[in-house]
Protein backbone atom coordinates (compact mmCIF):
# COMPACT_ATOMS: atom_id res chain seq x y z
CA MET A 1 0.00 0.00 0.00
CA ASP A 2 1.59 3.30 -1.09
CA GLU A 3 1.80 6.32 1.21
CA GLN A 4 -1.10 8.22 -0.36
CA ILE A 5 -3.53 5.32 0.05
CA LYS A 6 -2.23 4.70 3.59
CA LYS A 7 -2.94 8.34 4.45
CA ILE A 8 -6.48 8.08 3.02
CA ASN A 9 -6.98 4.81 4.91
CA ASN A 10 -5.98 6.38 8.24
CA GLN A 11 -8.41 9.26 7.69
CA ALA A 12 -11.18 6.83 6.71
CA GLN A 13 -10.70 4.97 9.99
CA LYS A 14 -11.19 8.22 11.94
CA TYR A 15 -14.38 9.05 10.04
CA ALA A 16 -15.60 5.46 10.48
CA LYS A 17 -15.54 5.98 14.26
CA ASP A 18 -17.64 9.15 13.89
CA LEU A 19 -20.14 7.33 11.68
CA GLU A 20 -20.29 4.39 14.08
CA LYS A 21 -21.27 6.79 16.88
CA LEU A 22 -23.96 8.22 14.58
CA GLN A 23 -25.33 4.74 13.84
CA THR A 24 -25.34 3.84 17.55
CA GLU A 25 -27.22 7.02 18.49
CA ILE A 26 -29.89 6.47 15.83
CA LYS A 27 -30.35 2.85 16.97
CA LYS A 28 -31.12 4.07 20.49
CA THR A 29 -34.39 5.39 19.07
CA ILE A 30 -35.03 3.10 16.10
CA VAL A 31 -35.56 -0.58 16.90
CA GLY A 32 -34.35 -2.91 14.16
CA GLN A 33 -34.07 -1.65 10.55
CA ASP A 34 -30.27 -1.62 10.90
CA ASP A 35 -29.77 -2.13 7.16
CA ILE A 36 -32.06 0.79 6.32
CA ILE A 37 -30.18 3.06 8.75
CA ASP A 38 -26.89 2.05 7.14
CA ARG A 39 -28.30 2.78 3.67
CA LEU A 40 -29.48 6.23 4.79
CA ILE A 41 -26.03 7.07 6.11
CA ILE A 42 -24.30 5.72 2.99
CA ALA A 43 -26.64 7.78 0.78
CA LEU A 44 -25.94 10.87 2.90
CA ILE A 45 -22.17 10.39 2.60
CA ALA A 46 -22.39 9.72 -1.16
CA GLN A 47 -24.73 12.75 -1.58
CA GLY A 48 -27.50 10.62 -3.07
CA HIS A 49 -31.19 10.25 -2.32
CA VAL A 50 -33.27 7.27 -1.22
CA LEU A 51 -36.57 5.90 -2.51
CA LEU A 52 -38.00 3.77 0.27
CA GLU A 53 -40.72 1.25 -0.51
CA GLY A 54 -42.58 -0.18 2.43
CA LEU A 55 -45.85 -0.48 4.27
CA PRO A 56 -47.12 2.21 6.68
CA GLY A 57 -46.05 2.20 10.32
CA LEU A 58 -42.42 1.11 9.88
CA ALA A 59 -40.80 4.21 11.47
CA LYS A 60 -39.82 5.91 8.20
CA THR A 61 -40.60 9.41 9.51
CA LEU A 62 -39.01 8.73 12.89
CA MET A 63 -35.88 7.37 11.21
CA ILE A 64 -35.04 10.43 9.11
CA ARG A 65 -36.15 12.85 11.85
CA THR A 66 -33.80 11.10 14.29
CA LEU A 67 -30.97 11.32 11.75
CA SER A 68 -31.53 15.07 11.42
CA LYS A 69 -31.43 15.53 15.21
CA CYS A 70 -28.15 13.63 15.44
CA ILE A 71 -26.55 16.05 12.96
CA ASP A 72 -28.11 19.39 14.04
CA CYS A 73 -29.90 19.62 10.68
CA SER A 74 -33.35 20.90 9.77
CA PHE A 75 -36.05 18.39 8.84
CA THR A 76 -39.25 18.72 6.84
CA ARG A 77 -41.96 16.17 6.18
CA LEU A 78 -43.88 16.67 2.93
CA GLN A 79 -47.14 14.76 2.68
CA PHE A 80 -47.74 14.33 -1.03
CA THR A 81 -51.41 14.58 -2.04
CA PRO A 82 -53.23 14.85 -5.38
CA ASP A 83 -54.02 18.56 -4.83
CA LEU A 84 -50.42 19.57 -4.04
CA LEU A 85 -48.87 22.28 -6.26
CA PRO A 86 -45.17 22.77 -7.14
CA ALA A 87 -45.18 26.11 -5.29
CA ASP A 88 -46.26 24.25 -2.14
CA ILE A 89 -42.83 22.61 -2.21
CA THR A 90 -40.48 25.16 -3.77
CA GLY A 91 -42.08 28.42 -2.61
CA THR A 92 -43.41 31.50 -4.39
CA LYS A 93 -43.22 35.28 -4.63
CA ILE A 94 -45.74 37.56 -2.94
CA TYR A 95 -46.46 41.13 -4.00
CA ASN A 96 -46.11 43.76 -1.28
CA HIS A 97 -48.64 46.57 -1.85
CA LYS A 98 -46.87 48.96 0.52
CA ASN A 99 -43.59 49.24 -1.35
CA GLY A 100 -44.63 47.80 -4.72
CA SER A 101 -42.08 44.97 -4.66
CA PHE A 102 -42.12 41.18 -4.62
CA SER A 103 -40.75 39.17 -1.70
CA THR A 104 -39.73 35.51 -1.95
CA ILE A 105 -41.38 32.99 0.38
CA LYS A 106 -39.25 29.86 0.41
CA GLY A 107 -41.01 26.50 0.54
CA PRO A 108 -40.36 23.50 2.78
CA ILE A 109 -37.80 22.09 0.31
CA PHE A 110 -35.30 24.49 1.92
CA ALA A 111 -34.34 22.08 4.69
CA ASN A 112 -31.44 19.65 5.08
CA PHE A 113 -33.46 16.45 5.32
CA ILE A 114 -36.72 15.98 3.45
CA LEU A 115 -39.21 13.16 3.92
CA ALA A 116 -41.36 13.04 0.77
CA ASP A 117 -44.11 10.82 2.10
CA GLU A 118 -46.07 8.86 -0.52
CA ILE A 119 -44.42 10.67 -3.41
CA ASN A 120 -46.52 8.73 -5.92
CA ARG A 121 -49.72 10.39 -4.64
CA ALA A 122 -48.78 13.78 -6.13
CA PRO A 123 -49.26 14.64 -9.82
CA PRO A 124 -46.23 14.49 -12.18
CA LYS A 125 -45.71 18.28 -12.15
CA VAL A 126 -45.15 18.22 -8.37
CA GLN A 127 -42.93 15.14 -8.56
CA SER A 128 -40.82 16.93 -11.17
CA ALA A 129 -40.40 19.97 -8.93
CA LEU A 130 -38.96 17.81 -6.16
CA LEU A 131 -36.79 15.70 -8.45
CA GLU A 132 -35.37 18.79 -10.16
CA ALA A 133 -34.33 20.13 -6.77
CA MET A 134 -32.73 16.77 -5.95
CA GLN A 135 -30.73 16.73 -9.18
CA GLU A 136 -29.68 20.37 -9.45
CA LYS A 137 -29.44 21.12 -5.68
CA GLN A 138 -31.17 24.41 -6.44
CA VAL A 139 -34.68 25.80 -6.90
CA SER A 140 -35.96 28.45 -9.31
CA ILE A 141 -38.79 30.61 -7.99
CA GLN A 142 -40.23 32.73 -10.79
CA GLY A 143 -36.89 33.19 -12.54
CA GLU A 144 -34.80 33.61 -9.37
CA THR A 145 -32.42 30.78 -8.47
CA HIS A 146 -31.84 29.74 -4.85
CA MET A 147 -29.28 27.18 -3.72
CA LEU A 148 -30.44 24.47 -1.32
CA LYS A 149 -28.86 23.87 2.07
CA LYS A 150 -26.01 21.42 2.59
CA PRO A 151 -26.12 18.59 3.48
CA PHE A 152 -29.25 17.77 1.51
CA LEU A 153 -30.95 14.37 1.64
CA VAL A 154 -34.35 13.35 0.29
CA MET A 155 -36.01 10.16 1.45
CA ALA A 156 -39.12 9.54 -0.61
CA THR A 157 -41.57 6.79 0.32
CA GLN A 158 -44.15 4.89 -1.64
CA ASN A 159 -46.65 2.23 -0.64
CA PRO A 160 -46.18 -1.00 -2.63
CA ILE A 161 -49.73 -2.32 -2.26
CA GLU A 162 -52.06 0.64 -2.62
CA SER A 163 -52.38 2.00 -6.16
CA GLU A 164 -55.68 3.89 -6.02
CA GLY A 165 -55.17 7.62 -6.44
CA THR A 166 -51.48 7.29 -7.27
CA TYR A 167 -49.32 8.51 -10.17
CA LYS A 168 -46.54 6.15 -11.15
CA LEU A 169 -43.10 7.76 -11.03
CA PRO A 170 -41.60 7.90 -14.54
CA GLU A 171 -38.54 5.66 -14.95
CA ALA A 172 -36.33 8.64 -15.86
CA GLN A 173 -37.24 10.29 -12.55
CA VAL A 174 -36.86 7.14 -10.46
CA ASP A 175 -33.34 6.92 -11.91
CA ARG A 176 -32.41 10.08 -10.00
CA PHE A 177 -32.59 8.22 -6.72
CA ALA A 178 -29.25 6.71 -5.73
CA PHE A 179 -30.98 3.85 -3.87
CA LYS A 180 -34.28 2.10 -3.91
CA VAL A 181 -34.56 0.33 -0.57
CA ILE A 182 -37.21 -2.17 0.50
CA ILE A 183 -38.22 -1.89 4.16
CA ASN A 184 -39.77 -4.92 5.84
CA HIS A 185 -41.59 -5.67 9.10
CA PRO A 186 -39.47 -6.02 12.26
CA GLU A 187 -38.57 -9.38 13.78
CA LYS A 188 -40.70 -10.72 16.64
CA SER A 189 -38.13 -9.79 19.32
CA GLU A 190 -37.81 -6.30 17.84
CA GLU A 191 -41.59 -5.88 17.86
CA ILE A 192 -41.68 -6.70 21.57
CA GLU A 193 -39.07 -4.00 22.18
CA ILE A 194 -41.17 -1.54 20.13
CA ILE A 195 -44.20 -2.40 22.26
CA ASN A 196 -42.20 -1.82 25.46
CA ARG A 197 -40.89 1.55 24.32
CA PHE A 198 -44.09 3.02 22.99
CA THR A 199 -46.62 1.63 25.51
CA GLU A 200 -44.67 1.96 28.75
CA GLY A 201 -43.31 5.47 28.37
CA ILE A 202 -39.69 4.45 27.72
CA THR A 203 -37.99 7.33 25.91
CA TYR A 204 -34.48 7.95 24.64
CA LYS A 205 -33.26 11.49 24.16
CA THR A 206 -31.43 11.93 20.86
CA SER A 207 -28.07 13.64 21.19
CA GLN A 208 -26.19 15.59 18.55
CA ILE A 209 -23.30 13.39 17.44
CA LEU A 210 -21.97 15.28 14.42
CA THR A 211 -22.30 18.80 13.07
CA SER A 212 -23.55 19.51 9.56
CA LYS A 213 -20.08 20.94 8.84
CA LYS A 214 -18.52 17.59 9.78
CA ILE A 215 -20.92 15.72 7.46
CA ILE A 216 -19.99 18.01 4.56
CA GLU A 217 -16.32 17.33 5.38
CA ILE A 218 -16.98 13.56 5.24
CA GLN A 219 -18.92 13.97 1.98
CA ASN A 220 -15.97 15.76 0.40
CA PHE A 221 -13.57 13.11 1.68
CA ASN A 222 -15.71 10.36 0.15
CA GLN A 223 -14.59 11.53 -3.30
CA LYS A 224 -10.97 10.81 -2.33
CA ILE A 225 -11.50 7.13 -1.41
CA TYR A 226 -9.27 5.10 -3.73
CA VAL A 227 -10.86 2.97 -6.46
CA ASP A 228 -8.57 0.69 -8.44
CA LYS A 229 -8.90 0.40 -12.22
CA LYS A 230 -9.98 -3.24 -11.85
CA ILE A 231 -12.88 -2.21 -9.58
CA LYS A 232 -14.00 0.36 -12.16
CA GLU A 233 -13.89 -2.33 -14.85
CA TYR A 234 -15.87 -4.66 -12.58
CA VAL A 235 -18.56 -1.99 -12.09
CA SER A 236 -18.75 -1.23 -15.82
CA GLU A 237 -19.18 -4.95 -16.56
CA LEU A 238 -21.97 -5.28 -13.97
CA VAL A 239 -23.87 -2.39 -15.51
CA ASP A 240 -23.13 -3.51 -19.07
CA ALA A 241 -24.49 -6.96 -18.20
CA THR A 242 -27.87 -5.40 -17.38
CA ARG A 243 -27.99 -4.08 -20.96
CA TYR A 244 -26.41 -6.96 -22.88
CA PRO A 245 -26.75 -10.10 -20.74
CA LYS A 246 -26.07 -12.41 -23.72
CA LYS A 247 -22.55 -11.01 -23.97
CA TYR A 248 -21.84 -12.45 -20.51
CA SER A 249 -23.79 -15.72 -21.00
CA ILE A 250 -26.41 -14.69 -18.42
CA ASP A 251 -29.70 -16.51 -18.88
CA VAL A 252 -32.32 -13.77 -18.55
CA GLU A 253 -33.68 -14.07 -22.08
CA GLY A 254 -36.71 -11.84 -22.61
CA HIS A 255 -36.79 -10.53 -19.04
CA ILE A 256 -35.00 -7.17 -19.35
CA GLU A 257 -36.70 -4.35 -21.27
CA TYR A 258 -34.00 -1.77 -20.54
CA GLY A 259 -30.76 -2.04 -18.62
CA ALA A 260 -29.28 0.37 -16.10
CA SER A 261 -28.28 3.92 -17.05
CA PRO A 262 -24.77 5.40 -16.59
CA ARG A 263 -26.00 6.79 -13.25
CA ALA A 264 -25.87 3.20 -11.98
CA SER A 265 -22.09 3.10 -12.53
CA LEU A 266 -21.62 6.42 -10.75
CA TRP A 267 -23.69 5.40 -7.72
CA LEU A 268 -22.08 1.96 -7.48
CA ILE A 269 -18.70 3.70 -7.18
CA LEU A 270 -19.81 6.53 -4.87
CA ALA A 271 -21.87 4.27 -2.61
CA GLY A 272 -19.09 1.67 -2.71
CA LYS A 273 -16.70 4.36 -1.47
CA ALA A 274 -19.08 5.29 1.35
CA ASN A 275 -19.46 1.62 2.31
CA ALA A 276 -15.67 1.31 2.41
CA MET A 277 -15.42 4.37 4.67
CA ILE A 278 -18.04 3.05 7.09
CA ASN A 279 -15.92 -0.09 7.35
CA GLY A 280 -12.77 1.95 8.05
CA ARG A 281 -11.10 1.58 4.66
CA GLY A 282 -9.74 4.24 2.34
CA TYR A 283 -10.02 1.96 -0.67
CA VAL A 284 -12.87 0.07 -2.34
CA ILE A 285 -12.97 -3.73 -2.60
CA PRO A 286 -15.45 -5.84 -4.64
CA GLU A 287 -17.48 -6.59 -1.48
CA ASP A 288 -18.28 -2.85 -1.17
CA ILE A 289 -19.77 -2.86 -4.65
CA LYS A 290 -21.75 -6.05 -4.00
CA ALA A 291 -23.05 -4.61 -0.70
CA VAL A 292 -24.80 -1.74 -2.49
CA ALA A 293 -25.53 -3.43 -5.85
CA TYR A 294 -29.15 -4.42 -5.14
CA ASP A 295 -30.15 -0.98 -3.84
CA VAL A 296 -28.47 0.81 -6.76
CA LEU A 297 -29.71 -1.51 -9.54
CA ARG A 298 -33.18 -2.76 -8.53
CA HIS A 299 -35.01 0.35 -9.81
CA ARG A 300 -32.81 0.76 -12.87
CA ILE A 301 -33.51 -2.63 -14.45
CA LEU A 302 -36.85 -2.38 -16.25
CA LEU A 303 -38.56 -5.74 -16.65
CA THR A 304 -40.57 -6.97 -19.61
CA TYR A 305 -44.19 -8.09 -19.41
CA GLU A 306 -42.92 -11.67 -19.75
CA ALA A 307 -40.77 -11.27 -16.64
CA GLU A 308 -43.69 -9.88 -14.66
CA ALA A 309 -45.96 -12.66 -15.89
CA GLU A 310 -43.38 -15.25 -14.81
CA GLU A 311 -42.92 -13.38 -11.50
CA VAL A 312 -39.23 -12.78 -12.14
CA SER A 313 -37.94 -9.95 -9.94
CA SER A 314 -35.11 -7.52 -10.60
CA GLU A 315 -33.40 -8.95 -7.47
CA GLU A 316 -33.21 -12.38 -9.11
CA ILE A 317 -31.64 -10.85 -12.22
CA ILE A 318 -29.12 -8.89 -10.13
CA THR A 319 -28.17 -12.11 -8.30
CA LYS A 320 -27.52 -13.85 -11.65
CA ILE A 321 -25.40 -10.92 -12.82
CA LEU A 322 -23.34 -10.81 -9.60
CA ASP A 323 -22.81 -14.58 -9.79
CA SER A 324 -21.75 -14.43 -13.45
CA ILE A 325 -19.38 -11.44 -13.57
CA LYS A 326 -15.86 -12.35 -12.51
CA ILE A 327 -14.74 -10.67 -9.30
CA PRO A 328 -11.35 -8.90 -9.68
């Protein structure tokens, strides 16, 4: 290991201790869902956003609110409804009759952490307003551009079983989320702990573990994590295999309509770097890529009608790809 990588590795180990404290503090409030908490932190470090699919009542709001409290950041919950307007999110300008000028009223998007609850309940125009802010990290209010706060993390949720009164997110917009994470019910032992906490008055005060300045520092450092050329080739082959599976002798004939976009390669690397940092390494190994592969790829592989009819999931296809592509 050369001196530069050793220096990066030492710094990664220091940040890993900070992030471990952050994880521990969040888990004092949130019972179970350890994988989801890890994904939120990885997305935050990689400066991505998370689309969370899961049933109601699984502590989604509590999770991201707790994260914001641990980092002295502002938090806003947006309840998406069919009558919501873009201005309800981004803000608007109001005319002042006294001095004949317009003043800007900023919307709730101007917070560090945003929970976009049931994003698929709002019409496409509203979804676009949020997704534009996510991509550009800025908002235009009647021709005037305003930068969003840093750090900035959006966690959007959608209900997988209720489709009445919903607007499906276009694939091009879903692609803007770094991760699509599936949240499941807690284990039996975890459910008993939840019952104890919320029916017997047991409370845990959330403490500030990191400052927003520290998180921005860690985000900037994430770019410096070392990625070998062989890892980059491995990532490009994984993504290429979603587009041209025959080239890699992967048997998914007729199941993939469209493969992953170039954003998949970028997020596999950035999230792989963040996963390496959480584990105290200043360099990425294949296991880091595999750890985030499902969350990065599951919403970027579009299935054919045949695949849906045969009940083939994107997870099964990702498993075949990971098993087929040679690990460097």
